[in-house]
């Protein structure tokens, strides 16, 4: 109840602030919503042990919107989005996880209790972009990135079938589509379909991740809505002059091995101290990228690049394959070619890529649990005073399953 009281206090506080329309507080919005949802089993493997899926989350948000009077070119190009800070508390106490006897589990022995997915507190930033505004109705989409904390994680003593969450600290991602009905010049009712993901980005095991889908309903306070509805076209920024650039970047990443998880879970006898362990070694990974990009709009750039990867864990995989009698090639080097796209909003940017391995020899397990293509997504910040130097965090994945998390530094050279 204390959490609910704090959230309602935040909303009530927003209504007591009196400010002239020219005051900076007129740029801010506030919202409070609740989302009943379900934990998703995204493959047949997870469906075997995710038993009960209902959950509930409560979120409070405060956002800021640039107005036409601010002469903000990025805001104008995006239709005056909201940059939002949010707090979400997800109640997962109804979620039950438990394996039934199955030959797929190998040496893993079944237990006589349900495992649990802990409640999660998350802090996040959200990019909320309306794509249609009318007198009463507004429709929008949103993307969110942040961090989370779960008070319950995997352990072999009393939570052995919680393969979703292996660490207390988590990475948060959210996406949603929303519709708002504005009751008057300030208040509205907002509903949406939202997806929320928590995982540790392969920085530890287990790393299946929790994926929740739900319908949200809430109340919003937007004192500027009528202004944007009628004057969104009042400011016209200068046309953007496109240019080409060479983007060079280097990354330092970390990961734990899926091979170690599979070995200790399903190929280790219960008498062994490593049987279904929660202790895993973290390995370093390095990367370099060279991309030829075209910045053809203020908010977008696209191009193609070469990706180079070096994994310090290749020799460990070779040892595991030798012990298990698996025949496969091993090399710490990987090379790929990828399509690149980046979305810009002032100093922040969201980078995305879809690549294909030209060279990849990462052992026997990779032949079955890795695809020949890979994805990357990352959030970056540009330092204009340093000539466009960028720092950021990327997550590399295979078919949306995290392979590693990396810190990246990049520098663009105009061509």
Protein backbone atom coordinates (compact mmCIF):
# COMPACT_ATOMS: atom_id res chain seq x y z
CA UNK A 1 0.00 0.00 0.00
CA UNK A 2 2.90 2.36 0.62
CA UNK A 3 3.90 2.06 -3.02
CA UNK A 4 0.35 2.84 -4.17
CA UNK A 5 0.15 5.83 -1.84
CA UNK A 6 3.43 7.19 -3.19
CA UNK A 7 2.26 6.81 -6.79
CA UNK A 8 -1.06 8.56 -6.10
CA UNK A 9 0.77 11.33 -4.24
CA UNK A 10 2.89 11.93 -7.32
CA UNK A 11 -0.22 12.31 -9.47
CA UNK A 12 -2.04 14.56 -6.98
CA UNK A 13 1.04 16.76 -6.64
CA UNK A 14 0.95 17.40 -10.37
CA UNK A 15 -2.53 18.92 -10.14
CA UNK A 16 -1.59 21.36 -7.37
CA UNK A 17 1.09 23.11 -9.37
CA UNK A 18 -0.22 26.41 -10.75
CA UNK A 19 1.74 27.80 -13.68
CA UNK A 20 1.15 30.18 -16.56
CA UNK A 21 1.03 28.56 -20.00
CA UNK A 22 4.35 30.15 -20.86
CA UNK A 23 5.93 28.59 -17.80
CA UNK A 24 8.16 25.55 -18.29
CA UNK A 25 5.78 23.35 -16.26
CA UNK A 26 3.29 23.63 -19.12
CA UNK A 27 5.59 21.26 -21.06
CA UNK A 28 5.08 18.38 -18.62
CA UNK A 29 2.66 15.47 -18.54
CA UNK A 30 1.82 12.94 -15.84
CA UNK A 31 0.21 9.54 -15.99
CA UNK A 32 -0.75 6.63 -13.79
CA UNK A 33 -1.88 3.30 -15.18
CA UNK A 34 -2.43 -0.32 -14.29
CA UNK A 35 -1.79 -3.32 -16.54
CA UNK A 36 -3.14 -6.83 -15.99
CA UNK A 37 -1.11 -9.18 -18.14
CA UNK A 38 0.37 -12.60 -18.70
CA UNK A 39 3.88 -14.01 -18.82
CA UNK A 40 4.45 -15.35 -22.33
CA UNK A 41 6.01 -18.68 -23.23
CA UNK A 42 7.67 -17.75 -26.51
CA UNK A 43 8.69 -21.29 -27.49
CA UNK A 44 7.76 -24.91 -26.85
CA UNK A 45 10.66 -25.30 -24.42
CA UNK A 46 9.38 -22.59 -22.06
CA UNK A 47 5.78 -23.76 -22.43
CA UNK A 48 6.75 -27.04 -20.73
CA UNK A 49 7.49 -25.42 -17.37
CA UNK A 50 5.65 -22.06 -17.26
CA UNK A 51 2.47 -23.16 -15.44
CA UNK A 52 0.59 -20.06 -14.20
CA UNK A 53 1.06 -16.80 -16.11
CA UNK A 54 -1.16 -14.03 -14.69
CA UNK A 55 0.54 -10.89 -13.40
CA UNK A 56 -0.23 -7.23 -12.76
CA UNK A 57 1.82 -4.05 -12.97
CA UNK A 58 1.38 -0.43 -11.86
CA UNK A 59 3.29 2.41 -13.51
CA UNK A 60 3.65 6.14 -12.84
CA UNK A 61 5.27 8.43 -15.41
CA UNK A 62 6.32 12.04 -15.85
CA UNK A 63 7.22 13.33 -19.30
CA UNK A 64 8.27 16.49 -21.09
CA UNK A 65 7.13 17.67 -24.51
CA UNK A 66 8.71 20.40 -26.63
CA UNK A 67 6.11 22.84 -27.98
CA UNK A 68 6.04 24.68 -31.34
CA UNK A 69 7.14 27.86 -29.56
CA UNK A 70 10.40 26.11 -28.63
CA UNK A 71 11.47 25.92 -32.31
CA UNK A 72 12.78 22.38 -31.80
CA UNK A 73 13.51 20.81 -35.19
CA UNK A 74 13.73 17.24 -33.86
CA UNK A 75 10.44 17.58 -31.98
CA UNK A 76 8.77 18.96 -35.09
CA UNK A 77 10.05 16.11 -37.26
CA UNK A 78 8.70 13.52 -34.81
CA UNK A 79 5.35 15.25 -34.25
CA UNK A 80 6.21 16.52 -30.75
CA UNK A 81 6.86 13.31 -28.79
CA UNK A 82 7.18 13.01 -25.04
CA UNK A 83 10.44 12.03 -23.34
CA UNK A 84 9.24 10.27 -20.24
CA UNK A 85 10.65 8.90 -17.00
CA UNK A 86 8.71 6.04 -15.47
CA UNK A 87 8.54 3.70 -12.49
CA UNK A 88 6.87 0.30 -12.86
CA UNK A 89 6.17 -2.27 -10.18
CA UNK A 90 5.27 -5.70 -11.55
CA UNK A 91 3.48 -8.18 -9.31
CA UNK A 92 4.39 -11.74 -10.33
CA UNK A 93 3.30 -13.65 -7.24
CA UNK A 94 0.76 -15.69 -9.22
CA UNK A 95 3.34 -16.93 -11.73
CA UNK A 96 4.27 -20.59 -11.20
CA UNK A 97 7.19 -22.43 -12.79
CA UNK A 98 7.71 -26.20 -12.57
CA UNK A 99 9.09 -28.95 -14.78
CA UNK A 100 7.21 -32.19 -15.35
CA UNK A 101 9.03 -35.45 -16.13
CA UNK A 102 10.37 -35.31 -19.68
CA UNK A 103 13.22 -37.09 -21.43
CA UNK A 104 14.36 -33.68 -22.69
CA UNK A 105 15.64 -32.82 -19.20
CA UNK A 106 18.44 -35.41 -19.30
CA UNK A 107 19.97 -35.88 -15.83
CA UNK A 108 17.89 -33.11 -14.22
CA UNK A 109 15.73 -34.47 -11.41
CA UNK A 110 12.21 -33.15 -10.82
CA UNK A 111 11.34 -31.35 -7.58
CA UNK A 112 8.10 -31.43 -5.57
CA UNK A 113 7.47 -27.67 -5.37
CA UNK A 114 6.64 -24.72 -7.62
CA UNK A 115 9.30 -22.14 -8.40
CA UNK A 116 8.40 -18.46 -8.45
CA UNK A 117 9.09 -15.36 -10.51
CA UNK A 118 9.75 -12.47 -8.14
CA UNK A 119 8.09 -9.06 -8.17
CA UNK A 120 10.10 -6.52 -10.14
CA UNK A 121 10.69 -2.79 -9.69
CA UNK A 122 11.83 -0.96 -12.84
CA UNK A 123 13.05 2.54 -13.68
CA UNK A 124 12.95 3.47 -17.35
CA UNK A 125 13.03 6.17 -19.97
CA UNK A 126 10.30 6.18 -22.61
CA UNK A 127 9.99 7.71 -26.06
CA UNK A 128 6.25 8.28 -26.53
CA UNK A 129 5.35 9.38 -30.05
CA UNK A 130 1.79 10.28 -31.10
CA UNK A 131 1.10 9.61 -34.77
CA UNK A 132 -2.43 11.06 -34.84
CA UNK A 133 -4.09 13.83 -32.81
CA UNK A 134 -7.73 14.87 -33.09
CA UNK A 135 -10.08 16.87 -30.90
CA UNK A 136 -10.53 14.10 -28.37
CA UNK A 137 -8.54 11.11 -29.65
CA UNK A 138 -4.80 10.58 -29.73
CA UNK A 139 -3.00 7.43 -30.90
CA UNK A 140 0.68 6.73 -30.27
CA UNK A 141 3.43 4.15 -29.93
CA UNK A 142 6.17 3.96 -27.30
CA UNK A 143 9.60 2.42 -26.74
CA UNK A 144 11.19 2.13 -23.30
CA UNK A 145 14.62 1.22 -21.98
CA UNK A 146 15.77 0.99 -18.39
CA UNK A 147 16.84 -1.14 -15.46
CA UNK A 148 14.99 -3.40 -13.08
CA UNK A 149 15.39 -5.19 -9.78
CA UNK A 150 13.84 -8.56 -8.92
CA UNK A 151 13.89 -9.70 -5.31
CA UNK A 152 13.67 -13.36 -6.40
CA UNK A 153 16.02 -15.16 -8.78
CA UNK A 154 17.08 -18.67 -9.74
CA UNK A 155 18.73 -20.85 -7.12
CA UNK A 156 18.92 -24.61 -6.83
CA UNK A 157 17.87 -24.68 -3.17
CA UNK A 158 14.26 -23.45 -3.45
CA UNK A 159 13.72 -21.86 -6.89
CA UNK A 160 15.28 -24.40 -9.22
CA UNK A 161 12.76 -24.17 -12.09
CA UNK A 162 12.90 -20.38 -12.41
CA UNK A 163 14.82 -20.34 -15.67
CA UNK A 164 13.49 -16.87 -16.52
CA UNK A 165 15.53 -14.68 -14.16
CA UNK A 166 19.07 -15.42 -12.94
CA UNK A 167 20.09 -12.10 -11.36
CA UNK A 168 18.56 -9.45 -9.14
CA UNK A 169 19.69 -6.60 -11.44
CA UNK A 170 17.95 -6.63 -14.82
CA UNK A 171 17.70 -4.87 -18.16
CA UNK A 172 14.25 -3.47 -18.98
CA UNK A 173 12.65 -3.05 -22.40
CA UNK A 174 9.10 -2.03 -23.18
CA UNK A 175 6.99 -1.32 -26.25
CA UNK A 176 3.38 -0.34 -26.65
CA UNK A 177 0.60 1.09 -28.75
CA UNK A 178 -1.77 3.53 -27.06
CA UNK A 179 -5.06 5.37 -27.54
CA UNK A 180 -6.06 8.34 -25.39
CA UNK A 181 -9.49 9.92 -25.07
CA UNK A 182 -9.18 13.51 -23.86
CA UNK A 183 -12.02 14.44 -21.53
CA UNK A 184 -11.13 18.15 -21.50
CA UNK A 185 -8.15 20.44 -22.10
CA UNK A 186 -6.02 18.70 -19.47
CA UNK A 187 -7.25 15.23 -18.55
CA UNK A 188 -7.58 12.04 -20.52
CA UNK A 189 -8.13 8.29 -20.24
CA UNK A 190 -5.45 6.15 -21.91
CA UNK A 191 -5.60 2.51 -22.89
CA UNK A 192 -2.92 0.44 -24.53
CA UNK A 193 -1.43 -2.89 -25.46
CA UNK A 194 2.02 -3.17 -23.87
CA UNK A 195 4.93 -5.60 -23.94
CA UNK A 196 7.44 -5.62 -21.08
CA UNK A 197 10.69 -7.61 -21.05
CA UNK A 198 13.17 -8.22 -18.22
CA UNK A 199 16.45 -10.12 -18.59
CA UNK A 200 20.15 -9.77 -17.84
CA UNK A 201 21.41 -9.59 -21.43
CA UNK A 202 23.36 -12.89 -21.14
CA UNK A 203 25.54 -11.32 -18.45
CA UNK A 204 24.54 -14.23 -16.22
CA UNK A 205 22.50 -17.46 -16.26
CA UNK A 206 19.74 -18.34 -16.49
CA UNK A 207 18.75 -15.74 -19.06
CA UNK A 208 15.50 -16.89 -20.63
CA UNK A 209 13.98 -13.58 -19.56
CA UNK A 210 10.43 -12.75 -18.58
CA UNK A 211 8.12 -11.42 -21.28
CA UNK A 212 4.80 -9.94 -20.27
CA UNK A 213 1.94 -8.79 -22.50
CA UNK A 214 -1.05 -6.91 -21.18
CA UNK A 215 -3.71 -4.27 -21.73
CA UNK A 216 -3.18 -1.10 -19.73
CA UNK A 217 -5.68 1.53 -18.60
CA UNK A 218 -4.93 4.78 -16.85
CA UNK A 219 -5.37 8.50 -16.43
CA UNK A 220 -3.16 11.19 -18.01
CA UNK A 221 -2.68 14.91 -17.42
CA UNK A 222 -1.54 16.86 -20.52
CA UNK A 223 -2.09 20.64 -20.20
CA UNK A 224 -0.67 21.32 -23.67
CA UNK A 225 -2.84 18.97 -25.73
CA UNK A 226 -5.09 21.57 -27.39
CA UNK A 227 -2.05 23.67 -28.29
CA UNK A 228 -0.40 20.76 -30.10
CA UNK A 229 -3.62 19.73 -31.79
CA UNK A 230 -4.09 23.18 -33.35
CA UNK A 231 -0.53 24.52 -33.69
CA UNK A 232 1.69 21.50 -34.36
CA UNK A 233 2.41 22.87 -37.85
CA UNK A 234 3.13 26.40 -36.65
CA UNK A 235 6.90 25.83 -36.67
CA UNK A 236 8.67 24.65 -39.82
CA UNK A 237 12.34 23.72 -39.33
CA UNK A 238 15.00 24.29 -41.96
CA UNK A 239 15.35 21.46 -44.50
CA UNK A 240 18.00 18.91 -43.59
CA UNK A 241 20.99 18.50 -45.89
CA UNK A 242 21.90 14.86 -46.21
CA UNK A 243 25.47 13.63 -45.99
CA UNK A 244 27.54 10.43 -45.93
CA UNK A 245 29.85 9.35 -43.14
CA UNK A 246 32.08 6.47 -42.08
CA UNK A 247 31.20 5.24 -38.61
CA UNK A 248 33.97 3.40 -36.76
CA UNK A 249 33.24 1.80 -33.41
CA UNK A 250 34.74 -0.58 -30.88
CA UNK A 251 33.00 -2.60 -28.22
CA UNK A 252 33.88 -4.35 -24.97
CA UNK A 253 31.31 -6.94 -24.00
CA UNK A 254 30.63 -9.70 -21.52
CA UNK A 255 28.59 -12.90 -21.48
CA UNK A 256 28.05 -16.19 -19.76
CA UNK A 257 27.83 -19.37 -21.76
CA UNK A 258 24.64 -21.16 -22.74
CA UNK A 259 26.86 -24.25 -23.06
CA UNK A 260 27.67 -24.06 -19.34
CA UNK A 261 24.00 -23.76 -18.47
CA UNK A 262 23.00 -26.76 -20.59
CA UNK A 263 25.87 -28.84 -19.21
CA UNK A 264 25.15 -28.17 -15.53
CA UNK A 265 21.36 -28.43 -15.94
CA UNK A 266 20.98 -31.56 -18.05
CA UNK A 267 24.34 -33.37 -18.35
CA UNK A 268 25.58 -33.34 -14.76
CA UNK A 269 24.57 -35.93 -12.12
CA UNK A 270 22.89 -34.70 -8.94
CA UNK A 271 25.83 -35.97 -6.88
CA UNK A 272 28.17 -33.45 -8.54
CA UNK A 273 28.63 -30.05 -6.82
CA UNK A 274 27.96 -28.25 -10.12
CA UNK A 275 24.60 -29.96 -10.59
CA UNK A 276 22.11 -27.25 -11.63
CA UNK A 277 24.44 -24.61 -10.20
CA UNK A 278 23.76 -20.87 -10.05
CA UNK A 279 27.45 -19.97 -10.40
CA UNK A 280 28.82 -19.18 -13.87
CA UNK A 281 32.00 -17.67 -15.25
CA UNK A 282 31.73 -14.39 -17.17
CA UNK A 283 33.78 -14.12 -20.38
CA UNK A 284 34.96 -11.05 -22.26
CA UNK A 285 34.03 -10.35 -25.88
CA UNK A 286 35.37 -7.68 -28.22
CA UNK A 287 34.00 -6.15 -31.40
CA UNK A 288 34.78 -3.59 -34.08
CA UNK A 289 32.48 -2.10 -36.71
CA UNK A 290 33.08 -0.09 -39.87
CA UNK A 291 29.88 1.30 -41.39
CA UNK A 292 29.21 3.49 -44.40
CA UNK A 293 26.10 5.50 -43.48
CA UNK A 294 23.87 8.05 -45.17
CA UNK A 295 22.24 10.63 -42.88
CA UNK A 296 19.35 11.36 -45.24
CA UNK A 297 17.10 13.00 -42.64
CA UNK A 298 17.57 14.78 -39.35
CA UNK A 299 16.17 11.79 -37.51
CA UNK A 300 17.43 8.88 -39.64
CA UNK A 301 20.59 7.33 -41.04
CA UNK A 302 20.97 4.01 -42.84
CA UNK A 303 23.83 2.08 -44.34
CA UNK A 304 25.84 -1.12 -44.46
CA UNK A 305 28.82 -2.27 -42.44
CA UNK A 306 31.34 -4.96 -41.59
CA UNK A 307 31.31 -6.42 -38.05
CA UNK A 308 34.26 -8.19 -36.44
CA UNK A 309 33.93 -10.18 -33.22
CA UNK A 310 36.43 -11.87 -30.91
CA UNK A 311 35.24 -14.24 -28.17
CA UNK A 312 37.63 -15.22 -25.40
CA UNK A 313 35.39 -18.21 -24.65
CA UNK A 314 36.10 -20.21 -27.84
CA UNK A 315 38.71 -22.43 -26.17
CA UNK A 316 36.31 -23.19 -23.31
CA UNK A 317 33.66 -24.31 -25.82
CA UNK A 318 36.26 -26.49 -27.54
CA UNK A 319 37.06 -28.16 -24.20
CA UNK A 320 33.37 -28.83 -23.50
CA UNK A 321 32.85 -30.30 -26.96
CA UNK A 322 35.87 -32.57 -26.51
CA UNK A 323 34.60 -33.80 -23.12
CA UNK A 324 31.15 -34.53 -24.58
CA UNK A 325 32.42 -36.11 -27.80
CA UNK A 326 31.01 -33.39 -30.06
CA UNK A 327 32.74 -32.74 -33.37
CA UNK A 328 32.71 -29.12 -34.55
CA UNK A 329 35.04 -26.31 -35.57
CA UNK A 330 36.16 -23.62 -33.14
CA UNK A 331 37.53 -20.14 -33.72
CA UNK A 332 37.47 -17.03 -31.52
CA UNK A 333 37.03 -14.85 -34.63
CA UNK A 334 33.72 -14.09 -36.30
CA UNK A 335 33.01 -11.80 -39.24
CA UNK A 336 29.68 -10.48 -40.47
CA UNK A 337 28.09 -8.04 -42.87
CA UNK A 338 25.08 -6.08 -41.66
CA UNK A 339 22.42 -3.57 -42.66
CA UNK A 340 22.48 -0.63 -40.22
CA UNK A 341 19.88 1.94 -39.20
CA UNK A 342 19.98 4.67 -36.56
CA UNK A 343 17.24 6.94 -35.25
CA UNK A 344 18.29 10.31 -33.75
CA UNK A 345 16.62 12.65 -31.28
CA UNK A 346 19.04 15.40 -30.30
CA UNK A 347 22.00 13.69 -28.55
CA UNK A 348 20.22 10.37 -28.08
CA UNK A 349 20.08 7.72 -30.78
CA UNK A 350 18.80 4.19 -31.16
CA UNK A 351 21.00 1.97 -33.31
CA UNK A 352 19.75 -1.22 -34.96
CA UNK A 353 21.39 -3.73 -37.27
CA UNK A 354 20.63 -7.04 -38.93
CA UNK A 355 23.67 -9.06 -39.95
CA UNK A 356 24.79 -12.28 -41.60
CA UNK A 357 27.87 -14.21 -40.52
CA UNK A 358 30.49 -14.57 -43.22
CA UNK A 359 32.64 -16.58 -40.80
CA UNK A 360 31.50 -18.17 -37.54
CA UNK A 361 32.92 -21.34 -35.93
CA UNK A 362 31.75 -21.40 -32.34
CA UNK A 363 31.36 -25.09 -31.60
CA UNK A 364 28.71 -27.77 -31.63
CA UNK A 365 25.96 -26.01 -29.66
CA UNK A 366 26.09 -23.00 -31.98
CA UNK A 367 25.12 -25.23 -34.90
CA UNK A 368 21.71 -25.76 -33.27
CA UNK A 369 21.10 -22.79 -30.94
CA UNK A 370 22.55 -19.98 -33.06
CA UNK A 371 21.31 -18.79 -36.43
CA UNK A 372 23.54 -17.62 -39.28
CA UNK A 373 22.13 -14.14 -38.83
CA UNK A 374 22.31 -11.85 -35.81
CA UNK A 375 20.73 -8.66 -34.50
CA UNK A 376 22.02 -5.68 -32.57
CA UNK A 377 20.15 -2.93 -30.79
CA UNK A 378 21.64 -0.20 -28.66
CA UNK A 379 21.07 3.17 -27.04
CA UNK A 380 23.78 5.79 -27.62
CA UNK A 381 24.63 9.35 -26.57
CA UNK A 382 26.50 11.78 -28.82
CA UNK A 383 28.93 14.34 -27.41
CA UNK A 384 28.73 17.25 -29.85
CA UNK A 385 31.61 19.02 -28.11
CA UNK A 386 33.83 16.00 -28.94
CA UNK A 387 33.12 16.09 -32.66
CA UNK A 388 30.27 13.59 -32.56
CA UNK A 389 31.90 10.96 -30.33
CA UNK A 390 29.28 8.45 -29.18
CA UNK A 391 29.09 6.20 -26.14
CA UNK A 392 26.45 3.56 -25.68
CA UNK A 393 25.29 0.08 -24.78
CA UNK A 394 24.45 -2.63 -27.33
CA UNK A 395 22.80 -6.00 -26.98
CA UNK A 396 23.70 -8.57 -29.64
CA UNK A 397 21.28 -11.43 -30.19
CA UNK A 398 20.44 -14.46 -32.31
CA UNK A 399 16.75 -14.57 -33.24
CA UNK A 400 16.07 -12.07 -30.40
CA UNK A 401 17.86 -14.29 -27.82
CA UNK A 402 20.64 -12.28 -26.16
CA UNK A 403 24.19 -13.38 -26.99
CA UNK A 404 26.10 -10.64 -25.16
CA UNK A 405 25.93 -7.09 -23.82
CA UNK A 406 28.63 -4.57 -24.73
CA UNK A 407 29.78 -1.02 -24.09
CA UNK A 408 30.61 0.76 -27.35
CA UNK A 409 32.47 3.89 -28.40
CA UNK A 410 32.04 5.26 -31.91
CA UNK A 411 33.23 8.17 -34.02
CA UNK A 412 31.78 9.39 -37.36
CA UNK A 413 34.00 10.67 -40.18
CA UNK A 414 32.22 12.73 -42.82
CA UNK A 415 32.87 11.59 -46.37
